[in-house]
Amino acid sequence: MKANETTVDHFDTDSLKELRPENQLPKTVLILAVVCVAAWFSNTVNGAPLLEALPGMLILYVMVVIGLVVGRLCPFYLPSVAWVSLISIIATLPSFPGSEWIVAQLAEVNFLAVVTPVLAYAGLALTGREFTMFRQTGWKLVLVALLVFTGTFVGSAIVAHLLL
């Protein structure tokens, strides 16, 4: 190995904790706003007018931000998705004040149209860690990844065709 080459054999857990979304709230809230705007526009795929879905998208945004803040302030660790899910479940419980209105506004959002671009981006997003592992594994990983992606896509298309 040359002197200027570096390899990453292990990752510092403290530095990985800093990368969590709840530990970077200002950046996460801004990126989340951009994603919500893109998701709001993608909601028109099903023919829904933009203004009818706006309150529902704002409610989703607020629930996610509250979940991230709770995750940041809580003395014990739970993944952000758990906090966001918990906040969302509580806000839509029938005993929660205003839950009928919240559910009615969320009904205007087509979640399949909203989630599809987000999941596509999440599946394509690569970090430096993945590139480092990719360089170390070689061409076999490409073959396996292509087979997995193809099988997942074809399997999902078959299930969607049969059930939807």
N, C-alpha and C. Protein backbone atom coordinates (compact mmCIF):
# COMPACT_ATOMS: atom_id res chain seq x y z
N MET A 1 0.84 -1.17 0.00
CA MET A 1 0.00 0.00 0.00
C MET A 1 0.88 1.23 0.00
N LYS A 2 0.54 2.20 -0.81
CA LYS A 2 1.31 3.43 -0.90
C LYS A 2 1.03 4.32 0.30
N ALA A 3 1.93 5.28 0.53
CA ALA A 3 1.82 6.13 1.70
C ALA A 3 0.60 7.05 1.63
N ASN A 4 0.20 7.47 0.44
CA ASN A 4 -0.92 8.41 0.36
C ASN A 4 -2.28 7.71 0.29
N GLU A 5 -2.31 6.39 0.24
CA GLU A 5 -3.57 5.66 0.23
C GLU A 5 -4.02 5.39 1.66
N THR A 6 -5.30 5.51 1.86
CA THR A 6 -5.85 5.21 3.18
C THR A 6 -6.98 4.22 3.01
N THR A 7 -7.10 3.34 3.98
CA THR A 7 -8.22 2.41 3.98
C THR A 7 -8.99 2.61 5.26
N VAL A 8 -10.25 2.29 5.18
CA VAL A 8 -11.10 2.41 6.35
C VAL A 8 -11.50 1.00 6.76
N ASP A 9 -10.87 0.52 7.84
CA ASP A 9 -11.19 -0.82 8.31
C ASP A 9 -12.32 -0.81 9.33
N HIS A 10 -12.41 0.27 10.09
CA HIS A 10 -13.48 0.39 11.07
C HIS A 10 -13.91 1.85 11.12
N PHE A 11 -15.05 2.09 11.66
CA PHE A 11 -15.59 3.43 11.74
C PHE A 11 -15.78 3.79 13.20
N ASP A 12 -15.42 4.99 13.54
CA ASP A 12 -15.56 5.49 14.89
C ASP A 12 -17.05 5.68 15.20
N THR A 13 -17.52 5.05 16.26
CA THR A 13 -18.95 5.13 16.57
C THR A 13 -19.38 6.54 16.94
N ASP A 14 -18.50 7.31 17.56
CA ASP A 14 -18.86 8.69 17.90
C ASP A 14 -19.05 9.54 16.65
N SER A 15 -18.19 9.35 15.66
CA SER A 15 -18.36 10.13 14.44
C SER A 15 -19.59 9.68 13.67
N LEU A 16 -19.95 8.40 13.74
CA LEU A 16 -21.17 7.94 13.10
C LEU A 16 -22.41 8.49 13.80
N LYS A 17 -22.35 8.66 15.12
CA LYS A 17 -23.48 9.24 15.85
C LYS A 17 -23.73 10.67 15.41
N GLU A 18 -22.67 11.39 15.10
CA GLU A 18 -22.82 12.78 14.65
C GLU A 18 -23.51 12.87 13.30
N LEU A 19 -23.48 11.80 12.51
CA LEU A 19 -24.11 11.81 11.20
C LEU A 19 -25.61 11.54 11.25
N ARG A 20 -26.13 11.15 12.40
CA ARG A 20 -27.55 10.87 12.51
C ARG A 20 -28.36 12.14 12.26
N PRO A 21 -29.52 12.02 11.64
CA PRO A 21 -30.31 13.21 11.31
C PRO A 21 -30.70 14.05 12.52
N GLU A 22 -31.01 13.39 13.64
CA GLU A 22 -31.42 14.15 14.82
C GLU A 22 -30.27 14.95 15.43
N ASN A 23 -29.04 14.60 15.08
CA ASN A 23 -27.88 15.35 15.59
C ASN A 23 -27.47 16.48 14.66
N GLN A 24 -28.13 16.61 13.53
CA GLN A 24 -27.87 17.69 12.58
C GLN A 24 -29.20 18.35 12.23
N LEU A 25 -29.92 18.83 13.24
CA LEU A 25 -31.29 19.31 13.03
C LEU A 25 -31.42 20.43 12.00
N PRO A 26 -30.62 21.50 12.05
CA PRO A 26 -30.83 22.56 11.05
C PRO A 26 -30.69 22.05 9.61
N LYS A 27 -29.66 21.28 9.36
CA LYS A 27 -29.44 20.74 8.03
C LYS A 27 -30.56 19.76 7.65
N THR A 28 -30.95 18.91 8.58
CA THR A 28 -31.98 17.92 8.31
C THR A 28 -33.33 18.58 8.04
N VAL A 29 -33.67 19.62 8.80
CA VAL A 29 -34.95 20.30 8.62
C VAL A 29 -35.00 20.98 7.25
N LEU A 30 -33.89 21.55 6.82
CA LEU A 30 -33.85 22.19 5.50
C LEU A 30 -33.98 21.16 4.38
N ILE A 31 -33.22 20.08 4.48
CA ILE A 31 -33.30 19.03 3.47
C ILE A 31 -34.69 18.40 3.46
N LEU A 32 -35.25 18.21 4.63
CA LEU A 32 -36.60 17.66 4.74
C LEU A 32 -37.63 18.56 4.07
N ALA A 33 -37.46 19.87 4.20
CA ALA A 33 -38.38 20.81 3.54
C ALA A 33 -38.30 20.67 2.02
N VAL A 34 -37.10 20.52 1.50
CA VAL A 34 -36.94 20.34 0.05
C VAL A 34 -37.58 19.03 -0.40
N VAL A 35 -37.38 17.98 0.37
CA VAL A 35 -37.98 16.68 0.03
C VAL A 35 -39.50 16.76 0.09
N CYS A 36 -40.03 17.47 1.07
CA CYS A 36 -41.48 17.60 1.18
C CYS A 36 -42.06 18.37 0.01
N VAL A 37 -41.36 19.40 -0.46
CA VAL A 37 -41.84 20.14 -1.63
C VAL A 37 -41.84 19.23 -2.85
N ALA A 38 -40.78 18.46 -3.04
CA ALA A 38 -40.74 17.52 -4.17
C ALA A 38 -41.84 16.47 -4.04
N ALA A 39 -42.07 15.97 -2.84
CA ALA A 39 -43.12 14.98 -2.62
C ALA A 39 -44.50 15.60 -2.85
N TRP A 40 -44.65 16.86 -2.47
CA TRP A 40 -45.91 17.56 -2.67
C TRP A 40 -46.24 17.65 -4.16
N PHE A 41 -45.22 17.97 -4.97
CA PHE A 41 -45.44 18.03 -6.41
C PHE A 41 -45.67 16.64 -7.00
N SER A 42 -44.99 15.64 -6.45
CA SER A 42 -45.20 14.28 -6.98
C SER A 42 -46.58 13.75 -6.62
N ASN A 43 -47.23 14.35 -5.64
CA ASN A 43 -48.58 13.96 -5.26
C ASN A 43 -49.57 14.23 -6.39
N THR A 44 -49.22 15.12 -7.32
CA THR A 44 -50.13 15.43 -8.42
C THR A 44 -50.17 14.31 -9.46
N VAL A 45 -49.33 13.30 -9.32
CA VAL A 45 -49.32 12.18 -10.26
C VAL A 45 -50.70 11.51 -10.32
N ASN A 46 -51.37 11.44 -9.19
CA ASN A 46 -52.69 10.81 -9.16
C ASN A 46 -53.80 11.79 -9.54
N GLY A 47 -53.44 13.00 -9.95
CA GLY A 47 -54.43 13.98 -10.38
C GLY A 47 -54.96 14.87 -9.28
N ALA A 48 -54.38 14.80 -8.09
CA ALA A 48 -54.85 15.63 -6.98
C ALA A 48 -54.35 17.07 -7.16
N PRO A 49 -55.21 18.05 -6.89
CA PRO A 49 -54.76 19.44 -6.96
C PRO A 49 -53.72 19.74 -5.87
N LEU A 50 -52.80 20.63 -6.19
CA LEU A 50 -51.72 20.95 -5.26
C LEU A 50 -52.23 21.51 -3.93
N LEU A 51 -53.16 22.44 -3.99
CA LEU A 51 -53.59 23.13 -2.77
C LEU A 51 -54.35 22.22 -1.81
N GLU A 52 -55.02 21.20 -2.34
CA GLU A 52 -55.74 20.30 -1.44
C GLU A 52 -54.79 19.43 -0.63
N ALA A 53 -53.63 19.12 -1.17
CA ALA A 53 -52.66 18.27 -0.46
C ALA A 53 -51.71 19.08 0.42
N LEU A 54 -51.69 20.40 0.29
CA LEU A 54 -50.74 21.22 1.05
C LEU A 54 -50.88 21.05 2.56
N PRO A 55 -52.08 21.13 3.15
CA PRO A 55 -52.16 20.94 4.60
C PRO A 55 -51.64 19.58 5.05
N GLY A 56 -51.95 18.53 4.30
CA GLY A 56 -51.47 17.20 4.66
C GLY A 56 -49.96 17.10 4.61
N MET A 57 -49.35 17.71 3.59
CA MET A 57 -47.89 17.68 3.49
C MET A 57 -47.26 18.48 4.62
N LEU A 58 -47.87 19.61 4.99
CA LEU A 58 -47.34 20.40 6.12
C LEU A 58 -47.46 19.62 7.43
N ILE A 59 -48.55 18.89 7.58
CA ILE A 59 -48.72 18.06 8.79
C ILE A 59 -47.65 16.97 8.84
N LEU A 60 -47.40 16.33 7.71
CA LEU A 60 -46.34 15.32 7.66
C LEU A 60 -44.99 15.92 8.03
N TYR A 61 -44.70 17.09 7.47
CA TYR A 61 -43.43 17.77 7.76
C TYR A 61 -43.30 18.07 9.25
N VAL A 62 -44.35 18.60 9.84
CA VAL A 62 -44.32 18.95 11.26
C VAL A 62 -44.15 17.70 12.12
N MET A 63 -44.83 16.62 11.77
CA MET A 63 -44.70 15.38 12.56
C MET A 63 -43.27 14.84 12.50
N VAL A 64 -42.65 14.91 11.35
CA VAL A 64 -41.28 14.42 11.22
C VAL A 64 -40.32 15.31 12.01
N VAL A 65 -40.49 16.62 11.93
CA VAL A 65 -39.61 17.53 12.67
C VAL A 65 -39.78 17.32 14.17
N ILE A 66 -41.01 17.18 14.63
CA ILE A 66 -41.24 16.93 16.06
C ILE A 66 -40.58 15.62 16.48
N GLY A 67 -40.71 14.59 15.66
CA GLY A 67 -40.06 13.31 15.97
C GLY A 67 -38.55 13.43 16.06
N LEU A 68 -37.94 14.21 15.16
CA LEU A 68 -36.50 14.41 15.20
C LEU A 68 -36.07 15.20 16.44
N VAL A 69 -36.85 16.20 16.80
CA VAL A 69 -36.52 17.00 18.00
C VAL A 69 -36.65 16.14 19.25
N VAL A 70 -37.70 15.34 19.33
CA VAL A 70 -37.86 14.45 20.49
C VAL A 70 -36.70 13.46 20.55
N GLY A 71 -36.31 12.92 19.40
CA GLY A 71 -35.17 12.01 19.37
C GLY A 71 -33.88 12.66 19.82
N ARG A 72 -33.73 13.93 19.52
CA ARG A 72 -32.52 14.68 19.93
C ARG A 72 -32.53 14.96 21.43
N LEU A 73 -33.69 15.28 21.98
CA LEU A 73 -33.78 15.69 23.38
C LEU A 73 -33.95 14.53 24.35
N CYS A 74 -34.37 13.39 23.87
CA CYS A 74 -34.63 12.25 24.74
C CYS A 74 -33.33 11.71 25.33
N PRO A 75 -33.32 11.36 26.61
CA PRO A 75 -32.08 10.89 27.24
C PRO A 75 -31.62 9.51 26.80
N PHE A 76 -32.47 8.73 26.15
CA PHE A 76 -32.07 7.42 25.65
C PHE A 76 -32.25 7.38 24.15
N TYR A 77 -31.56 6.46 23.49
CA TYR A 77 -31.56 6.42 22.04
C TYR A 77 -32.62 5.48 21.50
N LEU A 78 -33.38 6.00 20.57
CA LEU A 78 -34.25 5.22 19.70
C LEU A 78 -34.01 5.78 18.31
N PRO A 79 -34.08 4.98 17.27
CA PRO A 79 -33.89 5.51 15.93
C PRO A 79 -34.94 6.59 15.61
N SER A 80 -34.55 7.52 14.77
CA SER A 80 -35.45 8.62 14.41
C SER A 80 -36.77 8.13 13.85
N VAL A 81 -36.72 7.08 13.06
CA VAL A 81 -37.95 6.57 12.46
C VAL A 81 -38.92 6.09 13.54
N ALA A 82 -38.42 5.59 14.64
CA ALA A 82 -39.29 5.16 15.73
C ALA A 82 -39.98 6.36 16.38
N TRP A 83 -39.23 7.44 16.60
CA TRP A 83 -39.82 8.64 17.19
C TRP A 83 -40.84 9.28 16.26
N VAL A 84 -40.51 9.35 14.98
CA VAL A 84 -41.44 9.93 14.01
C VAL A 84 -42.70 9.09 13.94
N SER A 85 -42.57 7.78 13.92
CA SER A 85 -43.73 6.90 13.89
C SER A 85 -44.58 7.06 15.14
N LEU A 86 -43.94 7.14 16.29
CA LEU A 86 -44.67 7.30 17.55
C LEU A 86 -45.44 8.62 17.57
N ILE A 87 -44.81 9.70 17.16
CA ILE A 87 -45.48 11.01 17.12
C ILE A 87 -46.66 10.95 16.16
N SER A 88 -46.47 10.33 15.00
CA SER A 88 -47.54 10.25 14.00
C SER A 88 -48.70 9.41 14.50
N ILE A 89 -48.40 8.32 15.17
CA ILE A 89 -49.46 7.46 15.71
C ILE A 89 -50.25 8.20 16.78
N ILE A 90 -49.54 8.90 17.66
CA ILE A 90 -50.22 9.65 18.73
C ILE A 90 -51.11 10.74 18.14
N ALA A 91 -50.60 11.45 17.12
CA ALA A 91 -51.36 12.56 16.52
C ALA A 91 -52.61 12.09 15.79
N THR A 92 -52.65 10.84 15.39
CA THR A 92 -53.82 10.35 14.65
C THR A 92 -54.72 9.43 15.48
N LEU A 93 -54.41 9.28 16.75
CA LEU A 93 -55.30 8.51 17.63
C LEU A 93 -56.63 9.24 17.78
N PRO A 94 -57.74 8.51 17.82
CA PRO A 94 -59.04 9.17 17.96
C PRO A 94 -59.17 10.02 19.23
N SER A 95 -58.46 9.67 20.27
CA SER A 95 -58.54 10.45 21.52
C SER A 95 -57.68 11.71 21.49
N PHE A 96 -56.83 11.87 20.47
CA PHE A 96 -55.98 13.07 20.37
C PHE A 96 -56.83 14.23 19.85
N PRO A 97 -56.73 15.41 20.49
CA PRO A 97 -57.54 16.55 20.04
C PRO A 97 -57.20 16.93 18.59
N GLY A 98 -58.21 17.02 17.76
CA GLY A 98 -58.02 17.44 16.38
C GLY A 98 -57.60 16.32 15.44
N SER A 99 -57.62 15.09 15.91
CA SER A 99 -57.15 13.98 15.07
C SER A 99 -58.04 13.77 13.85
N GLU A 100 -59.34 14.07 13.97
CA GLU A 100 -60.23 13.91 12.83
C GLU A 100 -59.80 14.82 11.69
N TRP A 101 -59.47 16.07 12.03
CA TRP A 101 -59.02 17.03 11.03
C TRP A 101 -57.68 16.60 10.43
N ILE A 102 -56.77 16.14 11.28
CA ILE A 102 -55.45 15.68 10.82
C ILE A 102 -55.61 14.53 9.84
N VAL A 103 -56.42 13.56 10.19
CA VAL A 103 -56.62 12.40 9.32
C VAL A 103 -57.29 12.82 8.01
N ALA A 104 -58.23 13.76 8.08
CA ALA A 104 -58.90 14.23 6.86
C ALA A 104 -57.90 14.93 5.94
N GLN A 105 -56.98 15.71 6.50
CA GLN A 105 -55.98 16.40 5.68
C GLN A 105 -54.98 15.40 5.09
N LEU A 106 -54.61 14.41 5.88
CA LEU A 106 -53.67 13.40 5.39
C LEU A 106 -54.29 12.51 4.32
N ALA A 107 -55.61 12.41 4.31
CA ALA A 107 -56.28 11.60 3.29
C ALA A 107 -56.11 12.20 1.89
N GLU A 108 -55.81 13.49 1.82
CA GLU A 108 -55.61 14.16 0.53
C GLU A 108 -54.24 13.85 -0.08
N VAL A 109 -53.37 13.23 0.71
CA VAL A 109 -52.02 12.92 0.24
C VAL A 109 -51.99 11.47 -0.23
N ASN A 110 -51.57 11.26 -1.46
CA ASN A 110 -51.42 9.92 -2.00
C ASN A 110 -50.03 9.42 -1.59
N PHE A 111 -49.99 8.55 -0.59
CA PHE A 111 -48.70 8.15 -0.04
C PHE A 111 -47.86 7.33 -1.01
N LEU A 112 -48.49 6.61 -1.90
CA LEU A 112 -47.73 5.85 -2.88
C LEU A 112 -46.98 6.81 -3.82
N ALA A 113 -47.64 7.88 -4.24
CA ALA A 113 -46.99 8.86 -5.12
C ALA A 113 -45.92 9.64 -4.38
N VAL A 114 -46.11 9.86 -3.09
CA VAL A 114 -45.15 10.63 -2.29
C VAL A 114 -43.92 9.80 -1.95
N VAL A 115 -44.12 8.55 -1.61
CA VAL A 115 -43.02 7.71 -1.13
C VAL A 115 -42.14 7.19 -2.26
N THR A 116 -42.67 7.02 -3.44
CA THR A 116 -41.90 6.44 -4.53
C THR A 116 -40.62 7.20 -4.84
N PRO A 117 -40.64 8.54 -5.03
CA PRO A 117 -39.37 9.23 -5.30
C PRO A 117 -38.41 9.19 -4.11
N VAL A 118 -38.95 9.23 -2.90
CA VAL A 118 -38.10 9.19 -1.71
C VAL A 118 -37.38 7.85 -1.62
N LEU A 119 -38.11 6.76 -1.83
CA LEU A 119 -37.49 5.44 -1.79
C LEU A 119 -36.51 5.23 -2.94
N ALA A 120 -36.82 5.80 -4.09
CA ALA A 120 -35.88 5.69 -5.22
C ALA A 120 -34.57 6.39 -4.89
N TYR A 121 -34.66 7.58 -4.30
CA TYR A 121 -33.44 8.29 -3.92
C TYR A 121 -32.68 7.55 -2.84
N ALA A 122 -33.39 7.03 -1.86
CA ALA A 122 -32.74 6.30 -0.77
C ALA A 122 -32.02 5.08 -1.30
N GLY A 123 -32.58 4.44 -2.29
CA GLY A 123 -31.94 3.27 -2.86
C GLY A 123 -30.71 3.60 -3.68
N LEU A 124 -30.65 4.82 -4.21
CA LEU A 124 -29.52 5.21 -5.04
C LEU A 124 -28.44 5.99 -4.28
N ALA A 125 -28.76 6.45 -3.09
CA ALA A 125 -27.81 7.27 -2.33
C ALA A 125 -26.63 6.41 -1.85
N LEU A 126 -25.45 6.87 -2.14
CA LEU A 126 -24.24 6.17 -1.70
C LEU A 126 -23.36 7.13 -0.91
N THR A 127 -22.73 6.61 0.11
CA THR A 127 -21.83 7.42 0.93
C THR A 127 -20.39 6.99 0.67
N GLY A 128 -19.47 7.71 1.25
CA GLY A 128 -18.06 7.37 1.13
C GLY A 128 -17.76 5.98 1.67
N ARG A 129 -18.50 5.59 2.69
CA ARG A 129 -18.31 4.26 3.28
C ARG A 129 -18.64 3.17 2.26
N GLU A 130 -19.75 3.33 1.53
CA GLU A 130 -20.12 2.34 0.53
C GLU A 130 -19.10 2.29 -0.60
N PHE A 131 -18.59 3.46 -1.02
CA PHE A 131 -17.58 3.48 -2.08
C PHE A 131 -16.30 2.77 -1.63
N THR A 132 -15.92 2.96 -0.36
CA THR A 132 -14.74 2.29 0.17
C THR A 132 -14.93 0.78 0.18
N MET A 133 -16.09 0.33 0.63
CA MET A 133 -16.36 -1.10 0.64
C MET A 133 -16.43 -1.65 -0.78
N PHE A 134 -17.00 -0.86 -1.70
CA PHE A 134 -17.10 -1.30 -3.09
C PHE A 134 -15.73 -1.50 -3.71
N ARG A 135 -14.82 -0.58 -3.46
CA ARG A 135 -13.46 -0.70 -4.01
C ARG A 135 -12.75 -1.94 -3.47
N GLN A 136 -13.06 -2.32 -2.24
CA GLN A 136 -12.40 -3.46 -1.64
C GLN A 136 -13.00 -4.80 -2.09
N THR A 137 -14.25 -4.83 -2.50
CA THR A 137 -14.88 -6.11 -2.84
C THR A 137 -14.69 -6.51 -4.29
N GLY A 138 -14.68 -5.56 -5.22
CA GLY A 138 -14.41 -5.90 -6.62
C GLY A 138 -15.65 -6.10 -7.46
N TRP A 139 -15.44 -6.75 -8.62
CA TRP A 139 -16.48 -6.87 -9.64
C TRP A 139 -17.61 -7.81 -9.24
N LYS A 140 -17.37 -8.74 -8.34
CA LYS A 140 -18.40 -9.70 -7.95
C LYS A 140 -19.58 -8.99 -7.27
N LEU A 141 -19.28 -7.92 -6.55
CA LEU A 141 -20.34 -7.16 -5.90
C LEU A 141 -21.27 -6.53 -6.93
N VAL A 142 -20.72 -6.09 -8.05
CA VAL A 142 -21.54 -5.49 -9.10
C VAL A 142 -22.52 -6.53 -9.65
N LEU A 143 -22.04 -7.72 -9.90
CA LEU A 143 -22.89 -8.79 -10.41
C LEU A 143 -24.00 -9.13 -9.42
N VAL A 144 -23.65 -9.30 -8.17
CA VAL A 144 -24.64 -9.62 -7.15
C VAL A 144 -25.65 -8.49 -7.00
N ALA A 145 -25.17 -7.24 -7.00
CA ALA A 145 -26.07 -6.09 -6.86
C ALA A 145 -27.04 -6.01 -8.03
N LEU A 146 -26.56 -6.22 -9.24
CA LEU A 146 -27.45 -6.19 -10.40
C LEU A 146 -28.50 -7.28 -10.33
N LEU A 147 -28.11 -8.47 -9.91
CA LEU A 147 -29.08 -9.55 -9.77
C LEU A 147 -30.10 -9.26 -8.68
N VAL A 148 -29.64 -8.70 -7.57
CA VAL A 148 -30.55 -8.37 -6.47
C VAL A 148 -31.52 -7.28 -6.90
N PHE A 149 -31.00 -6.21 -7.53
CA PHE A 149 -31.87 -5.12 -7.98
C PHE A 149 -32.89 -5.61 -8.99
N THR A 150 -32.44 -6.43 -9.94
CA THR A 150 -33.35 -6.95 -10.96
C THR A 150 -34.40 -7.85 -10.34
N GLY A 151 -33.99 -8.74 -9.47
CA GLY A 151 -34.95 -9.63 -8.81
C GLY A 151 -35.94 -8.87 -7.95
N THR A 152 -35.46 -7.86 -7.24
CA THR A 152 -36.36 -7.06 -6.40
C THR A 152 -37.35 -6.29 -7.26
N PHE A 153 -36.86 -5.70 -8.35
CA PHE A 153 -37.75 -4.94 -9.22
C PHE A 153 -38.80 -5.83 -9.86
N VAL A 154 -38.37 -6.95 -10.40
CA VAL A 154 -39.32 -7.86 -11.06
C VAL A 154 -40.30 -8.43 -10.04
N GLY A 155 -39.80 -8.83 -8.88
CA GLY A 155 -40.68 -9.36 -7.84
C GLY A 155 -41.68 -8.31 -7.37
N SER A 156 -41.25 -7.08 -7.19
CA SER A 156 -42.15 -6.01 -6.76
C SER A 156 -43.18 -5.72 -7.83
N ALA A 157 -42.75 -5.74 -9.09
CA ALA A 157 -43.69 -5.48 -10.18
C ALA A 157 -44.76 -6.57 -10.26
N ILE A 158 -44.35 -7.82 -10.04
CA ILE A 158 -45.31 -8.93 -10.08
C ILE A 158 -46.32 -8.80 -8.93
N VAL A 159 -45.80 -8.52 -7.72
CA VAL A 159 -46.69 -8.39 -6.57
C VAL A 159 -47.63 -7.20 -6.77
N ALA A 160 -47.09 -6.08 -7.26
CA ALA A 160 -47.94 -4.90 -7.49
C ALA A 160 -49.00 -5.19 -8.53
N HIS A 161 -48.62 -5.90 -9.58
CA HIS A 161 -49.58 -6.21 -10.63
C HIS A 161 -50.69 -7.12 -10.11
N LEU A 162 -50.34 -8.08 -9.30
CA LEU A 162 -51.33 -9.02 -8.79
C LEU A 162 -52.24 -8.40 -7.71
N LEU A 163 -51.66 -7.57 -6.85
CA LEU A 163 -52.42 -7.06 -5.71
C LEU A 163 -53.04 -5.69 -5.96
N LEU A 164 -52.42 -4.89 -6.80
CA LEU A 164 -52.98 -3.55 -7.01
C LEU A 164 -53.79 -3.54 -8.27
